[in-house]
Amino acid sequence: MLKQVTVCAALFAGAAICSLLAQLALSWPAGTAAQHRCAEVAVDVAAPSPRDRALACSAAKHGLSLLKSCGISLRRHLHLEIMKELRHPTGLPALGFFDAKHERALIAQFEDVSSLVQGTPYAVLPLRELYRSLIIHEVVHAVMHQNLRRKALSHAAYEYPAYVLQIASFPATVRDRFLQTAGRSTHHTDFLISDSVLLMDPFVFAARAYQHFRASANGSDHLVALLEDTAAFILRHP
């Protein structure tokens, strides 16, 4: 079982409850780092170091490209903030979360990630590739939020696209390692996508979501359906 301190961190890349609490946060202190406009994409980054800014811009560009390949595009400027010792509104340390009220993605600085992912399947991945994927996860949340036509009625529907494109962003060898570590006995026919799976083990959920996406004739259609909350593959609890 994950340590409590890493619940939001491990689920960051998607904790459903953490994400929804972030959306309900009434306010959040503004970052103090100067804003930097990324080249070629409508993304502003505030970060404590040039390295963090460069990583964030590169990852954001990759994430936007993945979304565009699914027919989903950025509608408004995206704001990313890289923060030292990031804490979620619940008070727990976090790798990151999307603040829907202020339409900005907050992500822990690179140096904090290693300690936050100890004891999780993320710990076996190359740190730089993991960090890029965490940024991409939040970029996906932000862009999906901008394009929503109907609000998602389940946590799984909210997290599915972010996990899918996060894992898709990995180089093949890194992705295979994550799937082997997190997916364990998950098979291509075992595609239960639900809130209960997400809350019990977000890493198994992530592996199943990606494998479901890849096994589909056109996985991009699933992401578009989620924007209208018409995705039939999400198991809803009464």
Protein backbone atom coordinates (compact mmCIF):
# COMPACT_ATOMS: atom_id res chain seq x y z
CA MET A 1 0.00 0.00 0.00
CA LEU A 2 1.31 3.46 -0.86
CA LYS A 3 2.42 5.73 1.92
CA GLN A 4 -0.20 8.39 2.66
CA VAL A 5 2.18 11.17 1.76
CA THR A 6 2.42 9.82 -1.77
CA VAL A 7 -1.29 9.33 -2.38
CA CYS A 8 -1.65 12.64 -4.20
CA ALA A 9 1.83 12.24 -5.63
CA ALA A 10 1.19 8.79 -7.03
CA LEU A 11 -2.28 9.68 -8.14
CA PHE A 12 -1.07 13.09 -9.29
CA ALA A 13 -0.70 11.83 -12.52
CA GLY A 14 -4.24 11.50 -11.83
CA ALA A 15 -5.68 11.09 -8.42
CA ALA A 16 -9.32 11.50 -9.14
CA ILE A 17 -10.20 12.79 -5.71
CA CYS A 18 -7.16 15.05 -5.62
CA SER A 19 -8.00 16.45 -9.04
CA LEU A 20 -11.59 17.18 -8.11
CA LEU A 21 -10.54 18.86 -4.88
CA ALA A 22 -8.18 21.00 -6.90
CA GLN A 23 -11.10 22.14 -9.02
CA LEU A 24 -13.01 23.11 -5.88
CA ALA A 25 -10.16 25.12 -4.37
CA LEU A 26 -11.32 28.68 -3.91
CA SER A 27 -7.89 30.25 -4.16
CA TRP A 28 -4.24 29.41 -4.48
CA PRO A 29 -1.22 31.62 -3.89
CA ALA A 30 0.29 32.94 -7.08
CA GLY A 31 3.76 31.79 -8.02
CA THR A 32 6.63 34.22 -7.73
CA ALA A 33 8.72 33.06 -10.71
CA ALA A 34 8.68 35.19 -13.83
CA GLN A 35 6.48 34.07 -16.72
CA HIS A 36 8.22 32.73 -19.81
CA ARG A 37 6.47 32.33 -23.17
CA CYS A 38 7.31 29.04 -24.86
CA ALA A 39 8.37 29.17 -28.47
CA GLU A 40 5.89 27.87 -31.08
CA VAL A 41 3.05 27.11 -28.62
CA ALA A 42 0.62 29.29 -26.67
CA VAL A 43 2.00 28.26 -23.29
CA ASP A 44 3.38 30.43 -20.49
CA VAL A 45 5.67 28.86 -17.89
CA ALA A 46 6.69 30.20 -14.49
CA ALA A 47 9.60 28.18 -13.11
CA PRO A 48 12.45 28.60 -10.61
CA SER A 49 15.15 27.63 -13.11
CA PRO A 50 15.87 27.78 -16.86
CA ARG A 51 16.08 23.97 -16.92
CA ASP A 52 12.59 23.59 -15.50
CA ARG A 53 11.26 26.14 -17.98
CA ALA A 54 12.88 24.35 -20.91
CA LEU A 55 11.57 20.96 -19.77
CA ALA A 56 8.08 22.35 -19.27
CA CYS A 57 7.97 23.98 -22.69
CA SER A 58 9.28 20.86 -24.42
CA ALA A 59 6.82 18.60 -22.60
CA ALA A 60 3.90 20.96 -23.21
CA LYS A 61 4.66 21.05 -26.93
CA HIS A 62 4.75 17.24 -27.02
CA GLY A 63 1.48 16.98 -25.11
CA LEU A 64 -0.27 19.46 -27.42
CA SER A 65 0.98 17.48 -30.42
CA LEU A 66 -0.46 14.24 -29.01
CA LEU A 67 -3.81 15.95 -28.41
CA LYS A 68 -3.81 17.49 -31.87
CA SER A 69 -3.34 14.03 -33.40
CA CYS A 70 -6.67 13.18 -31.72
CA GLY A 71 -8.36 16.28 -33.12
CA ILE A 72 -8.26 18.20 -29.84
CA SER A 73 -6.55 21.60 -29.75
CA LEU A 74 -5.67 24.32 -27.28
CA ARG A 75 -8.37 27.02 -27.26
CA ARG A 76 -6.81 29.52 -24.86
CA HIS A 77 -3.35 30.24 -23.52
CA LEU A 78 -2.14 27.56 -21.15
CA HIS A 79 -0.39 28.54 -17.92
CA LEU A 80 2.08 26.19 -16.22
CA GLU A 81 3.77 26.84 -12.88
CA ILE A 82 6.72 24.79 -11.65
CA MET A 83 6.86 25.09 -7.87
CA LYS A 84 9.16 24.13 -5.01
CA GLU A 85 7.61 21.81 -2.43
CA LEU A 86 4.24 21.89 -4.13
CA ARG A 87 1.32 21.08 -1.88
CA HIS A 88 -2.20 20.25 -2.86
CA PRO A 89 -5.08 22.24 -1.29
CA THR A 90 -5.58 19.19 0.95
CA GLY A 91 -2.15 19.93 2.45
CA LEU A 92 -0.43 16.83 1.07
CA PRO A 93 2.78 17.03 -0.97
CA ALA A 94 1.94 16.65 -4.67
CA LEU A 95 3.66 16.09 -7.97
CA GLY A 96 1.13 18.35 -9.59
CA PHE A 97 -2.52 19.10 -10.25
CA PHE A 98 -4.72 21.13 -12.55
CA ASP A 99 -6.43 24.13 -10.96
CA ALA A 100 -9.58 24.44 -13.08
CA LYS A 101 -10.83 27.60 -11.36
CA HIS A 102 -7.75 29.56 -12.43
CA GLU A 103 -7.02 27.40 -15.50
CA ARG A 104 -3.43 26.62 -14.65
CA ALA A 105 -1.39 23.50 -14.15
CA LEU A 106 0.90 23.37 -11.12
CA ILE A 107 3.79 20.92 -11.13
CA ALA A 108 6.49 20.13 -8.58
CA GLN A 109 10.02 21.09 -9.48
CA PHE A 110 12.27 18.39 -10.94
CA GLU A 111 14.34 18.02 -7.75
CA ASP A 112 11.31 17.06 -5.66
CA VAL A 113 10.02 14.26 -7.89
CA SER A 114 12.36 11.43 -6.92
CA SER A 115 11.39 11.46 -3.24
CA LEU A 116 7.68 11.76 -4.03
CA VAL A 117 7.56 8.66 -6.24
CA GLN A 118 9.48 6.30 -3.95
CA GLY A 119 7.68 3.01 -3.56
CA THR A 120 5.56 3.46 -6.70
CA PRO A 121 5.92 2.10 -10.26
CA TYR A 122 7.14 5.57 -11.29
CA ALA A 123 10.30 5.02 -9.26
CA VAL A 124 11.71 2.54 -11.81
CA LEU A 125 11.44 4.99 -14.70
CA PRO A 126 14.13 7.40 -15.93
CA LEU A 127 13.51 10.59 -13.97
CA ARG A 128 13.65 12.99 -16.91
CA GLU A 129 11.17 10.97 -18.96
CA LEU A 130 8.88 10.62 -15.96
CA TYR A 131 8.99 14.35 -15.28
CA ARG A 132 8.09 15.19 -18.87
CA SER A 133 5.17 12.77 -18.70
CA LEU A 134 3.86 14.36 -15.50
CA ILE A 135 3.77 17.74 -17.21
CA ILE A 136 2.03 16.20 -20.22
CA HIS A 137 -0.56 14.66 -17.91
CA GLU A 138 -1.52 18.09 -16.58
CA VAL A 139 -1.44 19.67 -20.04
CA VAL A 140 -3.97 17.07 -21.16
CA HIS A 141 -6.22 17.91 -18.21
CA ALA A 142 -6.01 21.60 -19.08
CA VAL A 143 -6.78 21.20 -22.78
CA MET A 144 -9.58 18.69 -22.21
CA HIS A 145 -11.06 21.17 -19.72
CA GLN A 146 -11.01 23.90 -22.37
CA ASN A 147 -12.81 21.64 -24.84
CA LEU A 148 -15.41 20.02 -22.57
CA ARG A 149 -18.95 20.17 -23.91
CA ARG A 150 -20.38 18.21 -20.98
CA LYS A 151 -18.76 17.88 -17.58
CA ALA A 152 -17.36 14.43 -16.82
CA LEU A 153 -19.60 12.58 -14.40
CA SER A 154 -16.96 10.13 -13.18
CA HIS A 155 -13.38 10.36 -11.96
CA ALA A 156 -12.35 7.65 -14.43
CA ALA A 157 -13.63 9.71 -17.37
CA TYR A 158 -11.61 12.68 -16.12
CA GLU A 159 -8.39 10.69 -15.72
CA TYR A 160 -8.55 8.36 -18.73
CA PRO A 161 -7.23 10.83 -21.38
CA ALA A 162 -4.51 12.22 -19.12
CA TYR A 163 -3.14 8.77 -18.30
CA VAL A 164 -3.44 7.52 -21.87
CA LEU A 165 -1.44 10.37 -23.38
CA GLN A 166 1.00 10.47 -20.47
CA ILE A 167 1.94 6.84 -21.13
CA ALA A 168 1.85 7.38 -24.90
CA SER A 169 4.46 10.12 -24.46
CA PHE A 170 7.06 7.68 -23.10
CA PRO A 171 9.74 6.26 -25.40
CA ALA A 172 8.81 2.65 -26.22
CA THR A 173 11.30 1.08 -23.81
CA VAL A 174 10.16 3.28 -20.92
CA ARG A 175 6.51 2.64 -21.71
CA ASP A 176 7.07 -1.13 -21.79
CA ARG A 177 8.80 -0.97 -18.43
CA PHE A 178 5.94 0.97 -16.88
CA LEU A 179 3.33 -1.40 -18.28
CA GLN A 180 5.25 -4.44 -17.03
CA THR A 181 5.62 -2.91 -13.57
CA ALA A 182 2.19 -1.34 -13.18
CA GLY A 183 0.01 -3.55 -15.34
CA ARG A 184 1.11 -6.84 -13.82
CA SER A 185 -1.63 -9.32 -14.84
CA THR A 186 -3.57 -6.87 -16.98
CA HIS A 187 -4.46 -8.45 -20.34
CA HIS A 188 -5.76 -6.91 -23.51
CA THR A 189 -9.26 -8.21 -22.80
CA ASP A 190 -9.27 -6.98 -19.19
CA PHE A 191 -10.46 -3.44 -19.78
CA LEU A 192 -12.50 -2.56 -16.74
CA ILE A 193 -12.30 1.24 -16.65
CA SER A 194 -13.97 2.52 -13.50
CA ASP A 195 -13.65 4.78 -10.50
CA SER A 196 -13.11 1.81 -8.21
CA VAL A 197 -10.08 0.60 -10.17
CA LEU A 198 -8.67 4.13 -10.26
CA LEU A 199 -9.00 4.59 -6.51
CA MET A 200 -7.73 1.13 -5.59
CA ASP A 201 -4.66 1.26 -7.83
CA PRO A 202 -4.13 4.24 -10.16
CA PHE A 203 -1.19 2.51 -11.84
CA VAL A 204 -3.25 -0.52 -12.85
CA PHE A 205 -5.91 1.93 -14.05
CA ALA A 206 -3.30 3.77 -16.11
CA ALA A 207 -2.04 0.57 -17.71
CA ARG A 208 -5.56 -0.62 -18.52
CA ALA A 209 -6.53 2.76 -19.94
CA TYR A 210 -3.53 2.85 -22.26
CA GLN A 211 -3.98 -0.75 -23.40
CA HIS A 212 -7.69 -0.11 -24.03
CA PHE A 213 -6.81 2.98 -26.08
CA ARG A 214 -4.20 1.12 -28.14
CA ALA A 215 -6.45 -1.89 -28.75
CA SER A 216 -9.20 0.28 -30.22
CA ALA A 217 -9.53 0.77 -33.96
CA ASN A 218 -9.40 4.53 -33.38
CA GLY A 219 -8.54 5.37 -29.80
CA SER A 220 -8.84 9.08 -30.53
CA ASP A 221 -12.61 8.63 -30.82
CA HIS A 222 -12.65 7.70 -27.12
CA LEU A 223 -11.12 11.05 -26.15
CA VAL A 224 -13.61 12.97 -28.28
CA ALA A 225 -16.49 10.99 -26.73
CA LEU A 226 -15.22 11.91 -23.27
CA LEU A 227 -15.61 15.59 -24.12
CA GLU A 228 -19.34 14.99 -24.48
CA ASP A 229 -19.51 12.42 -21.67
CA THR A 230 -20.81 9.81 -24.10
CA ALA A 231 -18.03 7.23 -23.67
CA ALA A 232 -19.67 3.83 -23.26
CA PHE A 233 -16.49 2.10 -22.04
CA ILE A 234 -16.46 3.86 -18.66
CA LEU A 235 -18.19 1.78 -16.03
CA ARG A 236 -20.46 4.02 -13.97
CA HIS A 237 -21.48 3.18 -10.46
CA PRO A 238 -25.06 3.80 -9.42
